[in-house]
Structures are given as C-alpha cells and as structure tokens.
N, C-alpha and C. Protein backbone atom coordinates (compact mmCIF):
# COMPACT_ATOMS: atom_id res chain seq x y z
N UNK A 1 211.32 229.52 18.26
CA UNK A 1 210.51 228.62 17.42
C UNK A 1 209.38 229.41 16.76
N UNK A 2 209.35 229.42 15.41
CA UNK A 2 208.33 230.20 14.72
C UNK A 2 207.00 229.42 14.70
N UNK A 3 205.98 230.06 14.12
CA UNK A 3 204.64 229.48 14.14
C UNK A 3 204.59 228.13 13.43
N UNK A 4 205.23 228.03 12.28
CA UNK A 4 205.23 226.77 11.54
C UNK A 4 205.90 225.66 12.33
N UNK A 5 207.01 225.97 13.00
CA UNK A 5 207.71 224.98 13.81
C UNK A 5 206.86 224.53 15.00
N UNK A 6 206.09 225.49 15.56
CA UNK A 6 205.18 225.13 16.65
C UNK A 6 204.11 224.15 16.17
N UNK A 7 203.58 224.40 14.98
CA UNK A 7 202.57 223.51 14.42
C UNK A 7 203.17 222.13 14.13
N UNK A 8 204.41 222.14 13.62
CA UNK A 8 205.09 220.87 13.33
C UNK A 8 205.32 220.10 14.63
N UNK A 9 205.71 220.80 15.68
CA UNK A 9 205.92 220.14 16.97
C UNK A 9 204.61 219.52 17.46
N UNK A 10 203.53 220.28 17.33
CA UNK A 10 202.23 219.75 17.74
C UNK A 10 201.87 218.49 16.94
N UNK A 11 202.14 218.52 15.65
CA UNK A 11 201.82 217.38 14.80
C UNK A 11 202.61 216.14 15.21
N UNK A 12 203.87 216.33 15.54
CA UNK A 12 204.69 215.20 15.95
C UNK A 12 204.21 214.62 17.28
N UNK A 13 203.85 215.51 18.19
CA UNK A 13 203.33 215.02 19.48
C UNK A 13 202.00 214.31 19.26
N UNK A 14 201.17 214.83 18.35
CA UNK A 14 199.89 214.20 18.05
C UNK A 14 200.11 212.80 17.47
N UNK A 15 201.14 212.64 16.65
CA UNK A 15 201.45 211.31 16.10
C UNK A 15 201.82 210.35 17.23
N UNK A 16 202.55 210.86 18.22
CA UNK A 16 202.90 210.01 19.36
C UNK A 16 201.66 209.64 20.17
N UNK A 17 200.74 210.60 20.31
CA UNK A 17 199.48 210.32 21.01
C UNK A 17 198.71 209.22 20.30
N UNK A 18 198.64 209.30 18.98
CA UNK A 18 197.93 208.29 18.20
C UNK A 18 198.57 206.91 18.37
N UNK A 19 199.89 206.88 18.35
CA UNK A 19 200.59 205.61 18.51
C UNK A 19 200.36 205.03 19.90
N UNK A 20 200.41 205.88 20.92
CA UNK A 20 200.18 205.41 22.28
C UNK A 20 198.74 204.95 22.48
N UNK A 21 197.79 205.66 21.88
CA UNK A 21 196.38 205.26 21.97
C UNK A 21 196.18 203.89 21.33
N UNK A 22 196.85 203.66 20.20
CA UNK A 22 196.76 202.36 19.53
C UNK A 22 197.37 201.26 20.41
N UNK A 23 198.47 201.58 21.08
CA UNK A 23 199.11 200.61 21.97
C UNK A 23 198.21 200.29 23.16
N UNK A 24 197.55 201.31 23.71
CA UNK A 24 196.62 201.07 24.82
C UNK A 24 195.49 200.14 24.36
N UNK A 25 194.94 200.41 23.17
CA UNK A 25 193.87 199.55 22.67
C UNK A 25 194.35 198.12 22.47
N UNK A 26 195.57 197.97 21.96
CA UNK A 26 196.11 196.63 21.74
C UNK A 26 196.27 195.88 23.06
N UNK A 27 196.80 196.56 24.06
CA UNK A 27 197.02 195.91 25.36
C UNK A 27 195.69 195.60 26.04
N UNK A 28 194.73 196.52 25.93
CA UNK A 28 193.41 196.25 26.51
C UNK A 28 192.76 195.04 25.84
N UNK A 29 192.91 194.96 24.54
CA UNK A 29 192.36 193.82 23.81
C UNK A 29 193.05 192.52 24.21
N UNK A 30 194.36 192.59 24.40
CA UNK A 30 195.11 191.39 24.78
C UNK A 30 194.70 190.90 26.17
N UNK A 31 194.40 191.84 27.07
CA UNK A 31 193.98 191.47 28.42
C UNK A 31 192.52 191.02 28.44
N UNK A 32 191.72 191.57 27.54
CA UNK A 32 190.29 191.21 27.51
C UNK A 32 190.07 189.80 26.98
N UNK A 33 190.89 189.36 26.07
CA UNK A 33 190.72 188.03 25.50
C UNK A 33 191.82 187.71 24.51
N UNK A 34 191.97 186.42 24.26
CA UNK A 34 193.00 185.94 23.33
C UNK A 34 192.31 185.10 22.27
N UNK A 35 192.43 185.53 21.02
CA UNK A 35 191.76 184.82 19.93
C UNK A 35 192.25 183.38 19.82
N UNK A 36 193.53 183.16 20.12
CA UNK A 36 194.06 181.80 20.03
C UNK A 36 193.42 180.89 21.08
N UNK A 37 193.20 181.46 22.28
CA UNK A 37 192.58 180.67 23.34
C UNK A 37 191.13 180.38 22.99
N UNK A 38 190.43 181.38 22.47
CA UNK A 38 189.03 181.17 22.08
C UNK A 38 188.93 180.10 21.00
N UNK A 39 189.86 180.12 20.05
CA UNK A 39 189.85 179.11 19.00
C UNK A 39 190.18 177.73 19.58
N UNK A 40 191.13 177.68 20.52
CA UNK A 40 191.48 176.41 21.15
C UNK A 40 190.30 175.87 21.96
N UNK A 41 189.57 176.74 22.64
CA UNK A 41 188.38 176.31 23.38
C UNK A 41 187.32 175.75 22.42
N UNK A 42 187.18 176.41 21.28
CA UNK A 42 186.21 175.92 20.30
C UNK A 42 186.60 174.51 19.83
N UNK A 43 187.91 174.31 19.60
CA UNK A 43 188.36 172.98 19.15
C UNK A 43 188.13 171.93 20.23
N UNK A 44 188.35 172.31 21.49
CA UNK A 44 188.12 171.37 22.59
C UNK A 44 186.63 171.01 22.66
N UNK A 45 185.77 172.02 22.57
CA UNK A 45 184.33 171.76 22.62
C UNK A 45 183.90 170.83 21.49
N UNK A 46 184.43 171.09 20.30
CA UNK A 46 184.08 170.24 19.16
C UNK A 46 184.60 168.82 19.36
N UNK A 47 185.83 168.70 19.88
CA UNK A 47 186.41 167.37 20.11
C UNK A 47 185.61 166.61 21.17
N UNK A 48 185.18 167.32 22.22
CA UNK A 48 184.38 166.68 23.26
C UNK A 48 183.03 166.21 22.71
N UNK A 49 182.42 167.05 21.89
CA UNK A 49 181.14 166.69 21.31
C UNK A 49 181.28 165.47 20.40
N UNK A 50 182.35 165.42 19.59
CA UNK A 50 182.57 164.26 18.73
C UNK A 50 182.82 163.00 19.56
N UNK A 51 183.58 163.17 20.66
CA UNK A 51 183.86 162.02 21.52
C UNK A 51 182.59 161.53 22.20
N UNK A 52 181.76 162.46 22.71
CA UNK A 52 180.51 162.06 23.36
C UNK A 52 179.56 161.38 22.36
N UNK A 53 179.49 161.93 21.15
CA UNK A 53 178.60 161.37 20.15
C UNK A 53 179.00 159.94 19.80
N UNK A 54 180.30 159.71 19.65
CA UNK A 54 180.76 158.36 19.30
C UNK A 54 180.62 157.41 20.49
N UNK A 55 180.87 157.91 21.70
CA UNK A 55 180.71 157.07 22.89
C UNK A 55 179.26 156.63 23.04
N UNK A 56 178.32 157.52 22.74
CA UNK A 56 176.90 157.18 22.79
C UNK A 56 176.56 156.12 21.75
N UNK A 57 177.09 156.29 20.54
CA UNK A 57 176.87 155.29 19.49
C UNK A 57 177.42 153.92 19.90
N UNK A 58 178.60 153.95 20.54
CA UNK A 58 179.22 152.69 20.94
C UNK A 58 178.40 152.02 22.04
N UNK A 59 177.89 152.78 23.00
CA UNK A 59 177.05 152.20 24.05
C UNK A 59 175.77 151.59 23.46
N UNK A 60 175.16 152.35 22.54
CA UNK A 60 173.94 151.83 21.89
C UNK A 60 174.23 150.55 21.12
N UNK A 61 175.35 150.55 20.41
CA UNK A 61 175.71 149.36 19.63
C UNK A 61 176.00 148.18 20.57
N UNK A 62 176.67 148.47 21.69
CA UNK A 62 177.00 147.41 22.64
C UNK A 62 175.73 146.79 23.22
N UNK A 63 174.75 147.63 23.56
CA UNK A 63 173.49 147.10 24.08
C UNK A 63 172.77 146.26 23.02
N UNK A 64 172.81 146.76 21.77
CA UNK A 64 172.15 146.04 20.69
C UNK A 64 172.82 144.68 20.45
N UNK A 65 174.16 144.67 20.45
CA UNK A 65 174.87 143.41 20.24
C UNK A 65 174.62 142.46 21.40
N UNK A 66 174.62 142.96 22.61
CA UNK A 66 174.36 142.10 23.77
C UNK A 66 172.95 141.52 23.72
N UNK A 67 172.01 142.31 23.25
CA UNK A 67 170.64 141.81 23.09
C UNK A 67 170.60 140.68 22.06
N UNK A 68 171.33 140.87 20.98
CA UNK A 68 171.36 139.82 19.95
C UNK A 68 172.06 138.57 20.47
N UNK A 69 173.09 138.75 21.29
CA UNK A 69 173.77 137.59 21.87
C UNK A 69 172.81 136.80 22.77
N UNK A 70 172.04 137.56 23.56
CA UNK A 70 171.09 136.89 24.44
C UNK A 70 170.06 136.10 23.64
N UNK A 71 169.59 136.69 22.57
CA UNK A 71 168.63 135.99 21.71
C UNK A 71 169.27 134.76 21.06
N UNK A 72 170.55 134.91 20.65
CA UNK A 72 171.26 133.77 20.06
C UNK A 72 171.40 132.64 21.07
N UNK A 73 171.76 132.99 22.32
CA UNK A 73 171.91 131.95 23.34
C UNK A 73 170.59 131.21 23.57
N UNK A 74 169.51 132.00 23.57
CA UNK A 74 168.20 131.37 23.77
C UNK A 74 167.86 130.43 22.62
N UNK A 75 168.08 130.87 21.39
CA UNK A 75 167.78 130.04 20.24
C UNK A 75 168.72 128.82 20.18
N UNK A 76 169.96 129.04 20.60
CA UNK A 76 170.93 127.94 20.58
C UNK A 76 170.52 126.86 21.61
N UNK A 77 170.07 127.32 22.78
CA UNK A 77 169.61 126.37 23.79
C UNK A 77 168.39 125.59 23.28
N UNK A 78 167.52 126.32 22.60
CA UNK A 78 166.33 125.67 22.05
C UNK A 78 166.72 124.63 21.02
N UNK A 79 167.73 124.98 20.19
CA UNK A 79 168.18 124.04 19.15
C UNK A 79 168.79 122.79 19.77
N UNK A 80 169.53 122.97 20.86
CA UNK A 80 170.24 121.85 21.47
C UNK A 80 169.42 121.11 22.53
N UNK A 81 168.23 121.59 22.77
CA UNK A 81 167.43 121.00 23.86
C UNK A 81 166.89 119.61 23.51
N UNK A 82 166.73 119.30 22.24
CA UNK A 82 166.18 118.03 21.83
C UNK A 82 164.67 118.00 21.82
N UNK A 83 164.04 119.11 22.10
CA UNK A 83 162.58 119.14 22.14
C UNK A 83 161.98 119.22 20.73
N UNK A 84 162.77 119.69 19.78
CA UNK A 84 162.26 119.83 18.42
C UNK A 84 162.68 118.59 17.63
N UNK A 85 161.67 117.89 17.11
CA UNK A 85 161.93 116.65 16.38
C UNK A 85 161.62 116.78 14.90
N UNK A 86 160.86 117.78 14.54
CA UNK A 86 160.50 117.97 13.13
C UNK A 86 161.74 118.43 12.36
N UNK A 87 162.15 117.63 11.34
CA UNK A 87 163.37 117.99 10.59
C UNK A 87 163.29 119.38 9.94
N UNK A 88 162.12 119.71 9.46
CA UNK A 88 161.96 121.02 8.81
C UNK A 88 162.17 122.15 9.81
N UNK A 89 161.57 121.98 10.99
CA UNK A 89 161.73 123.01 12.03
C UNK A 89 163.17 123.08 12.50
N UNK A 90 163.83 121.93 12.63
CA UNK A 90 165.23 121.92 13.04
C UNK A 90 166.12 122.62 12.02
N UNK A 91 165.85 122.34 10.75
CA UNK A 91 166.64 122.98 9.69
C UNK A 91 166.43 124.50 9.70
N UNK A 92 165.16 124.88 9.87
CA UNK A 92 164.86 126.31 9.89
C UNK A 92 165.51 127.00 11.09
N UNK A 93 165.44 126.35 12.26
CA UNK A 93 166.04 126.95 13.46
C UNK A 93 167.56 126.99 13.35
N UNK A 94 168.13 125.93 12.78
CA UNK A 94 169.59 125.90 12.62
C UNK A 94 170.06 127.02 11.70
N UNK A 95 169.30 127.25 10.61
CA UNK A 95 169.65 128.32 9.68
C UNK A 95 169.52 129.68 10.35
N UNK A 96 168.48 129.79 11.19
CA UNK A 96 168.27 131.06 11.90
C UNK A 96 169.43 131.33 12.86
N UNK A 97 169.87 130.28 13.55
CA UNK A 97 170.99 130.43 14.49
C UNK A 97 172.26 130.82 13.75
N UNK A 98 172.53 130.19 12.62
CA UNK A 98 173.73 130.53 11.84
C UNK A 98 173.66 131.97 11.33
N UNK A 99 172.47 132.35 10.91
CA UNK A 99 172.29 133.73 10.44
C UNK A 99 172.55 134.73 11.57
N UNK A 100 172.05 134.39 12.78
CA UNK A 100 172.25 135.27 13.93
C UNK A 100 173.73 135.35 14.29
N UNK A 101 174.44 134.20 14.20
CA UNK A 101 175.88 134.21 14.50
C UNK A 101 176.64 135.10 13.51
N UNK A 102 176.28 135.01 12.23
CA UNK A 102 176.94 135.82 11.21
C UNK A 102 176.66 137.31 11.44
N UNK A 103 175.40 137.58 11.81
CA UNK A 103 175.02 138.99 12.06
C UNK A 103 175.78 139.54 13.25
N UNK A 104 175.86 138.75 14.32
CA UNK A 104 176.58 139.21 15.52
C UNK A 104 178.06 139.41 15.21
N UNK A 105 178.66 138.51 14.41
CA UNK A 105 180.07 138.67 14.05
C UNK A 105 180.29 139.97 13.29
N UNK A 106 179.36 140.29 12.39
CA UNK A 106 179.46 141.54 11.64
C UNK A 106 179.30 142.74 12.56
N UNK A 107 178.34 142.62 13.51
CA UNK A 107 178.12 143.72 14.45
C UNK A 107 179.32 143.91 15.37
N UNK A 108 179.96 142.80 15.76
CA UNK A 108 181.15 142.89 16.61
C UNK A 108 182.30 143.56 15.87
N UNK A 109 182.43 143.27 14.57
CA UNK A 109 183.45 143.95 13.76
C UNK A 109 183.18 145.45 13.71
N UNK A 110 181.91 145.80 13.50
CA UNK A 110 181.54 147.23 13.47
C UNK A 110 181.77 147.87 14.82
N UNK A 111 181.48 147.12 15.89
CA UNK A 111 181.70 147.64 17.25
C UNK A 111 183.18 147.88 17.50
N UNK A 112 184.01 146.95 17.04
CA UNK A 112 185.46 147.11 17.19
C UNK A 112 185.95 148.35 16.44
N UNK A 113 185.39 148.56 15.26
CA UNK A 113 185.77 149.75 14.48
C UNK A 113 185.36 151.02 15.21
N UNK A 114 184.18 151.01 15.83
CA UNK A 114 183.75 152.17 16.61
C UNK A 114 184.68 152.41 17.80
N UNK A 115 185.13 151.34 18.43
CA UNK A 115 186.05 151.47 19.56
C UNK A 115 187.36 152.10 19.13
N UNK A 116 187.85 151.71 17.96
CA UNK A 116 189.09 152.29 17.44
C UNK A 116 188.89 153.78 17.13
N UNK A 117 187.74 154.09 16.54
CA UNK A 117 187.45 155.50 16.26
C UNK A 117 187.34 156.31 17.54
N UNK A 118 186.74 155.69 18.56
CA UNK A 118 186.61 156.39 19.85
C UNK A 118 187.98 156.66 20.46
N UNK A 119 188.89 155.70 20.36
CA UNK A 119 190.25 155.91 20.86
C UNK A 119 190.92 157.07 20.14
N UNK A 120 190.71 157.16 18.84
CA UNK A 120 191.30 158.26 18.06
C UNK A 120 190.71 159.59 18.50
N UNK A 121 189.40 159.61 18.72
CA UNK A 121 188.76 160.87 19.13
C UNK A 121 189.16 161.26 20.54
N UNK A 122 189.34 160.28 21.41
CA UNK A 122 189.80 160.59 22.77
C UNK A 122 191.22 161.14 22.74
N UNK A 123 192.06 160.59 21.84
CA UNK A 123 193.43 161.11 21.70
C UNK A 123 193.40 162.53 21.16
N UNK A 124 192.51 162.80 20.18
CA UNK A 124 192.38 164.15 19.63
C UNK A 124 191.89 165.12 20.70
N UNK A 125 190.98 164.66 21.55
CA UNK A 125 190.48 165.51 22.65
C UNK A 125 191.60 165.83 23.63
N UNK A 126 192.39 164.82 23.99
CA UNK A 126 193.51 165.07 24.91
C UNK A 126 194.49 166.07 24.32
N UNK A 127 194.76 165.94 23.03
CA UNK A 127 195.68 166.86 22.36
C UNK A 127 195.13 168.29 22.37
N UNK A 128 193.82 168.44 22.08
CA UNK A 128 193.20 169.76 22.07
C UNK A 128 193.19 170.37 23.48
N UNK A 129 192.93 169.53 24.49
CA UNK A 129 192.92 170.02 25.88
C UNK A 129 194.32 170.43 26.31
N UNK A 130 195.34 169.68 25.88
CA UNK A 130 196.72 170.04 26.23
C UNK A 130 197.12 171.37 25.58
N UNK A 131 196.71 171.55 24.32
CA UNK A 131 197.01 172.82 23.64
C UNK A 131 196.35 173.98 24.35
N UNK A 132 195.07 173.80 24.74
CA UNK A 132 194.34 174.86 25.45
C UNK A 132 195.01 175.16 26.79
N UNK A 133 195.39 174.12 27.51
CA UNK A 133 196.03 174.33 28.82
C UNK A 133 197.34 175.10 28.67
N UNK A 134 198.11 174.78 27.62
CA UNK A 134 199.38 175.48 27.40
C UNK A 134 199.15 176.95 27.08
N UNK A 135 198.14 177.24 26.25
CA UNK A 135 197.84 178.63 25.90
C UNK A 135 197.35 179.40 27.12
N UNK A 136 196.51 178.77 27.93
CA UNK A 136 196.00 179.45 29.12
C UNK A 136 197.12 179.69 30.13
N UNK A 137 198.03 178.73 30.25
CA UNK A 137 199.17 178.93 31.16
C UNK A 137 200.06 180.07 30.68
N UNK A 138 200.30 180.12 29.37
CA UNK A 138 201.12 181.19 28.82
C UNK A 138 200.46 182.55 29.02
N UNK A 139 199.14 182.60 28.83
CA UNK A 139 198.41 183.85 29.03
C UNK A 139 198.48 184.29 30.49
N UNK A 140 198.30 183.33 31.40
CA UNK A 140 198.37 183.66 32.82
C UNK A 140 199.74 184.20 33.19
N UNK A 141 200.78 183.59 32.61
CA UNK A 141 202.14 184.04 32.91
C UNK A 141 202.40 185.43 32.34
N UNK A 142 201.78 185.73 31.19
CA UNK A 142 202.03 187.01 30.53
C UNK A 142 201.17 188.15 31.07
N UNK A 143 200.09 187.82 31.78
CA UNK A 143 199.14 188.85 32.22
C UNK A 143 199.76 189.94 33.08
N UNK A 144 200.58 189.62 34.10
CA UNK A 144 201.16 190.70 34.91
C UNK A 144 201.97 191.70 34.08
N UNK A 145 202.76 191.19 33.14
CA UNK A 145 203.56 192.09 32.29
C UNK A 145 202.66 192.93 31.40
N UNK A 146 201.60 192.33 30.88
CA UNK A 146 200.65 193.09 30.05
C UNK A 146 199.99 194.19 30.86
N UNK A 147 199.63 193.89 32.10
CA UNK A 147 199.01 194.89 32.95
C UNK A 147 199.96 196.04 33.25
N UNK A 148 201.23 195.70 33.50
CA UNK A 148 202.22 196.75 33.73
C UNK A 148 202.42 197.60 32.48
N UNK A 149 202.49 196.94 31.33
CA UNK A 149 202.66 197.67 30.07
C UNK A 149 201.46 198.58 29.82
N UNK A 150 200.27 198.11 30.14
CA UNK A 150 199.07 198.91 29.93
C UNK A 150 199.07 200.13 30.84
N UNK A 151 199.42 199.94 32.08
CA UNK A 151 199.47 201.08 33.02
C UNK A 151 200.48 202.12 32.55
N UNK A 152 201.65 201.65 32.10
CA UNK A 152 202.68 202.57 31.62
C UNK A 152 202.21 203.29 30.35
N UNK A 153 201.57 202.54 29.44
CA UNK A 153 201.09 203.15 28.20
C UNK A 153 200.01 204.20 28.49
N UNK A 154 199.16 203.92 29.45
CA UNK A 154 198.12 204.89 29.81
C UNK A 154 198.73 206.16 30.41
N UNK A 155 199.74 205.98 31.24
CA UNK A 155 200.42 207.16 31.81
C UNK A 155 201.10 207.96 30.71
N UNK A 156 201.79 207.25 29.82
CA UNK A 156 202.48 207.95 28.72
C UNK A 156 201.47 208.65 27.83
N UNK A 157 200.33 208.03 27.59
CA UNK A 157 199.29 208.63 26.75
C UNK A 157 198.75 209.89 27.39
N UNK A 158 198.47 209.84 28.68
CA UNK A 158 197.95 211.01 29.37
C UNK A 158 198.95 212.17 29.32
N UNK A 159 200.24 211.84 29.52
CA UNK A 159 201.27 212.88 29.49
C UNK A 159 201.40 213.46 28.08
N UNK A 160 201.34 212.59 27.07
CA UNK A 160 201.45 213.06 25.69
C UNK A 160 200.26 213.92 25.31
N UNK A 161 199.07 213.56 25.76
CA UNK A 161 197.88 214.35 25.46
C UNK A 161 197.99 215.75 26.08
N UNK A 162 198.50 215.80 27.32
CA UNK A 162 198.70 217.09 27.97
C UNK A 162 199.72 217.93 27.20
N UNK A 163 200.82 217.27 26.79
CA UNK A 163 201.85 217.96 26.03
C UNK A 163 201.31 218.44 24.69
N UNK A 164 200.49 217.61 24.05
CA UNK A 164 199.91 217.98 22.75
C UNK A 164 198.99 219.19 22.90
N UNK A 165 198.18 219.19 23.94
CA UNK A 165 197.26 220.32 24.15
C UNK A 165 198.02 221.61 24.40
N UNK A 166 199.11 221.50 25.18
CA UNK A 166 199.91 222.69 25.45
C UNK A 166 200.59 223.18 24.17
N UNK A 167 201.05 222.24 23.34
CA UNK A 167 201.70 222.61 22.08
C UNK A 167 200.70 223.28 21.15
N UNK A 168 199.48 222.79 21.13
CA UNK A 168 198.44 223.39 20.28
C UNK A 168 198.10 224.80 20.73
N UNK A 169 198.04 224.97 22.04
CA UNK A 169 197.72 226.30 22.58
C UNK A 169 198.77 227.32 22.19
N UNK A 170 200.01 226.85 21.96
CA UNK A 170 201.09 227.77 21.59
C UNK A 170 201.08 228.13 20.11
N UNK A 171 200.31 227.39 19.29
CA UNK A 171 200.26 227.65 17.86
C UNK A 171 199.37 228.87 17.60
N UNK A 172 199.83 229.86 16.85
CA UNK A 172 199.01 231.04 16.56
C UNK A 172 197.68 230.65 15.90
N UNK A 173 196.66 231.45 16.15
CA UNK A 173 195.31 231.14 15.66
C UNK A 173 195.27 230.97 14.15
N UNK A 174 196.06 231.80 13.43
CA UNK A 174 196.06 231.72 11.97
C UNK A 174 196.50 230.32 11.51
N UNK A 175 197.50 229.77 12.16
CA UNK A 175 198.01 228.45 11.79
C UNK A 175 197.05 227.35 12.25
N UNK A 176 196.42 227.57 13.40
CA UNK A 176 195.41 226.60 13.85
C UNK A 176 194.28 226.50 12.84
N UNK A 177 193.79 227.64 12.40
CA UNK A 177 192.69 227.64 11.44
C UNK A 177 193.09 226.98 10.12
N UNK A 178 194.33 227.27 9.70
CA UNK A 178 194.81 226.65 8.46
C UNK A 178 194.89 225.13 8.61
N UNK A 179 195.38 224.66 9.76
CA UNK A 179 195.51 223.22 9.99
C UNK A 179 194.14 222.54 10.02
N UNK A 180 193.14 223.23 10.61
CA UNK A 180 191.79 222.64 10.70
C UNK A 180 191.16 222.48 9.32
N UNK A 181 191.51 223.37 8.40
CA UNK A 181 190.90 223.30 7.06
C UNK A 181 191.49 222.18 6.20
N UNK A 182 192.64 221.67 6.60
CA UNK A 182 193.33 220.65 5.80
C UNK A 182 192.73 219.28 6.09
N UNK A 183 192.37 218.58 5.03
CA UNK A 183 191.70 217.29 5.19
C UNK A 183 192.65 216.09 5.15
N UNK A 184 193.93 216.34 4.91
CA UNK A 184 194.91 215.24 4.89
C UNK A 184 195.66 215.23 6.21
N UNK A 185 196.29 214.10 6.50
CA UNK A 185 197.07 213.99 7.73
C UNK A 185 198.48 213.48 7.39
N UNK A 186 199.50 214.10 7.96
CA UNK A 186 199.46 215.24 8.88
C UNK A 186 199.17 216.55 8.13
N UNK A 187 198.70 217.56 8.83
CA UNK A 187 198.36 218.81 8.16
C UNK A 187 199.56 219.71 7.88
N UNK A 188 200.74 219.30 8.32
CA UNK A 188 201.94 220.12 8.14
C UNK A 188 203.03 219.26 7.51
N UNK A 189 203.87 219.90 6.68
CA UNK A 189 204.96 219.18 6.02
C UNK A 189 206.21 220.03 6.02
N UNK A 190 207.34 219.36 6.25
CA UNK A 190 208.62 220.06 6.15
C UNK A 190 209.01 220.22 4.68
N UNK A 191 209.81 221.22 4.44
CA UNK A 191 210.38 221.42 3.11
C UNK A 191 211.80 220.87 3.14
N UNK A 192 212.03 219.84 2.34
CA UNK A 192 213.37 219.25 2.24
C UNK A 192 213.95 219.65 0.90
N UNK A 193 215.02 220.42 0.95
CA UNK A 193 215.56 220.99 -0.28
C UNK A 193 214.59 222.04 -0.77
N UNK A 194 213.93 221.76 -1.87
CA UNK A 194 212.90 222.68 -2.38
C UNK A 194 211.60 221.92 -2.61
N UNK A 195 211.40 220.80 -1.90
CA UNK A 195 210.21 219.98 -2.10
C UNK A 195 209.40 219.83 -0.82
N UNK A 196 208.10 219.64 -1.00
CA UNK A 196 207.24 219.26 0.11
C UNK A 196 207.58 217.82 0.48
N UNK A 197 207.92 217.58 1.74
CA UNK A 197 208.36 216.25 2.15
C UNK A 197 207.25 215.21 2.08
N UNK A 198 205.99 215.63 2.05
CA UNK A 198 204.88 214.68 2.02
C UNK A 198 204.49 214.28 0.60
N UNK A 199 204.32 215.26 -0.29
CA UNK A 199 203.85 214.94 -1.65
C UNK A 199 204.95 215.06 -2.71
N UNK A 200 206.15 215.55 -2.32
CA UNK A 200 207.32 215.64 -3.20
C UNK A 200 207.16 216.64 -4.36
N UNK A 201 206.24 217.55 -4.23
CA UNK A 201 206.08 218.58 -5.26
C UNK A 201 207.00 219.75 -4.91
N UNK A 202 207.62 220.34 -5.95
CA UNK A 202 208.58 221.43 -5.74
C UNK A 202 207.85 222.70 -5.31
N UNK A 203 208.50 223.39 -4.36
CA UNK A 203 207.95 224.66 -3.87
C UNK A 203 208.47 225.80 -4.75
N UNK A 204 207.61 226.75 -5.05
CA UNK A 204 208.03 227.88 -5.88
C UNK A 204 209.03 228.74 -5.13
N UNK A 205 209.81 229.48 -5.91
CA UNK A 205 210.80 230.37 -5.27
C UNK A 205 210.11 231.42 -4.42
N UNK A 206 208.96 231.89 -4.86
CA UNK A 206 208.21 232.87 -4.07
C UNK A 206 207.75 232.26 -2.75
N UNK A 207 207.30 230.99 -2.81
CA UNK A 207 206.89 230.31 -1.58
C UNK A 207 208.04 230.16 -0.61
N UNK A 208 209.21 229.84 -1.14
CA UNK A 208 210.38 229.69 -0.27
C UNK A 208 210.76 231.01 0.38
N UNK A 209 210.65 232.09 -0.38
CA UNK A 209 210.95 233.42 0.19
C UNK A 209 209.99 233.76 1.31
N UNK A 210 208.71 233.48 1.08
CA UNK A 210 207.71 233.75 2.12
C UNK A 210 207.98 232.92 3.37
N UNK A 211 208.36 231.67 3.17
CA UNK A 211 208.68 230.81 4.31
C UNK A 211 209.85 231.36 5.11
N UNK A 212 210.86 231.84 4.39
CA UNK A 212 212.05 232.38 5.07
C UNK A 212 211.71 233.64 5.87
N UNK A 213 210.65 234.33 5.44
CA UNK A 213 210.22 235.52 6.19
C UNK A 213 209.27 235.15 7.33
N UNK A 214 209.00 233.86 7.48
CA UNK A 214 208.14 233.40 8.58
C UNK A 214 206.66 233.53 8.30
N UNK A 215 206.26 233.61 7.02
CA UNK A 215 204.85 233.75 6.69
C UNK A 215 204.20 232.39 6.46
N UNK A 216 202.88 232.35 6.56
CA UNK A 216 202.12 231.12 6.38
C UNK A 216 202.08 230.76 4.89
N UNK A 217 202.56 229.57 4.56
CA UNK A 217 202.57 229.09 3.18
C UNK A 217 202.05 227.66 3.18
N UNK A 218 201.18 227.36 2.21
CA UNK A 218 200.68 225.99 2.06
C UNK A 218 201.16 225.41 0.74
N UNK A 219 201.26 224.10 0.69
CA UNK A 219 201.70 223.43 -0.53
C UNK A 219 200.65 223.58 -1.63
N UNK A 220 201.09 223.95 -2.82
CA UNK A 220 200.16 224.12 -3.93
C UNK A 220 199.52 222.80 -4.35
N UNK A 221 200.15 221.67 -3.99
CA UNK A 221 199.63 220.37 -4.42
C UNK A 221 198.75 219.71 -3.35
N UNK A 222 199.32 219.50 -2.17
CA UNK A 222 198.57 218.76 -1.14
C UNK A 222 197.88 219.66 -0.13
N UNK A 223 198.21 220.93 -0.11
CA UNK A 223 197.52 221.87 0.76
C UNK A 223 198.07 221.95 2.17
N UNK A 224 199.10 221.17 2.49
CA UNK A 224 199.63 221.17 3.85
C UNK A 224 200.36 222.49 4.15
N UNK A 225 200.37 222.85 5.44
CA UNK A 225 201.16 223.99 5.88
C UNK A 225 202.62 223.60 5.79
N UNK A 226 203.41 224.46 5.18
CA UNK A 226 204.83 224.16 4.96
C UNK A 226 205.71 224.76 6.05
N UNK A 227 206.74 224.02 6.38
CA UNK A 227 207.71 224.47 7.40
C UNK A 227 209.10 224.18 6.86
N UNK A 228 209.97 225.15 6.96
CA UNK A 228 211.34 224.93 6.52
C UNK A 228 212.02 223.91 7.42
N UNK A 229 212.66 222.92 6.77
CA UNK A 229 213.34 221.90 7.54
C UNK A 229 214.69 222.38 8.04
C-alpha cells in the first residue's frame, strides 16, 4: 500500500468515525429525552389548565345562580305572603320576581353551555393523557434496545478511533502535512479514469505519470491529494 492509499484508508476510517460519533449523539439524545413526549406533556398541561379554568368558572356561575335562586324564593314568598296590600308595591314586586325568573333562566342556559364546554374539555384532556401515556409506554419499551445500541455504538466508535489513529500514524509525514493544509473534506480523492472523483476535473497527463510513480500529486482544482483508483 503506497502513501496515497494509506491516506485514503485513513480518510475512509475517519468517515466511519464521524458516522459512529453522529450515531452515538443521536442515541444519547434519544435516551435523554423525546421531543414528542415533551410536546405531548405540554398539550396535557394546557388541556388541564383549560379544564381547571372552565371548572372554576362553572363553580362560580353555579354559586351565583344558586344565590339568585335563593333571592327569588325569598321575593316569591314575600309576594305570596299576603302582607303587601298596596297595588303599586305588588305590581312592582311581581315585575321584579318575573325579571329575576327571566334572569335565572338565562343564567341556567349559560350554565348548561358551560357544562357542555367542560365535558368537551374533559374529553380533550383524556385524549391528551392517553396519547402521552402511549408515548411514554413506547419509550419505556424502546429504552433497553436504545441502551444496547448506544453501548455497541460507543464500542464501535472507540475501536474505529483507535484504527483511525493507527492508520494516520502509518501515513508518511509529507502526506500528513499535505492533508492538514487542505481545507475541504475529505482531503483525499481517488482518480477515476482521468478525473478527480470529488470535483470531476480532468487530471493532466503529467499528473497521472507522477501518480503512477507514487509521487504526491494534488488536484489542480480542489487541492485534494490524489490517489489512483
């Protein structure tokens, strides 16, 4: 294996290291938290808050209506007691009682509407809680496999890093220095036919001759170290 092939081998192992590192990060993130569960928890919290807010409104309305009913009963008893003989006062009290009855009927309709809304919000809360429970159960079931995958990925990453370091140590210093100066990734490219496999620019005949002699050649376009495929 010549120097260019050694550098190419190192680059391929480095690509595997990068992929394994990304997989480790993905698995760690999956074990640390689940965005779907967090979103489901947020929906449950919002549904609970809406349900509590409406339940409080309904209790307040119920107390208010009950207070009005008590006042109506008192005024109705007063009207029917026979103690009031003045026609004007009787007419005024009768009108007041009718007005109170109409008001209570309207309040009862509004209370019924609130009860219906509360039932809808309680159903929405149950649905959100069921969705959250299903997601949490699925996460719990998947956790052991995720942990196993993470342990395996970490082992594979450590082995690949060791292999990459050994491959780099085998690359001659001249090629190491050339690779460090290159700002694109990967720093090495195979020659397929007479082209750089990365940027597709044709290699000169002189460059091809130098490559065949095992000399260090870089692409005139992208600057990568060239290796005969």
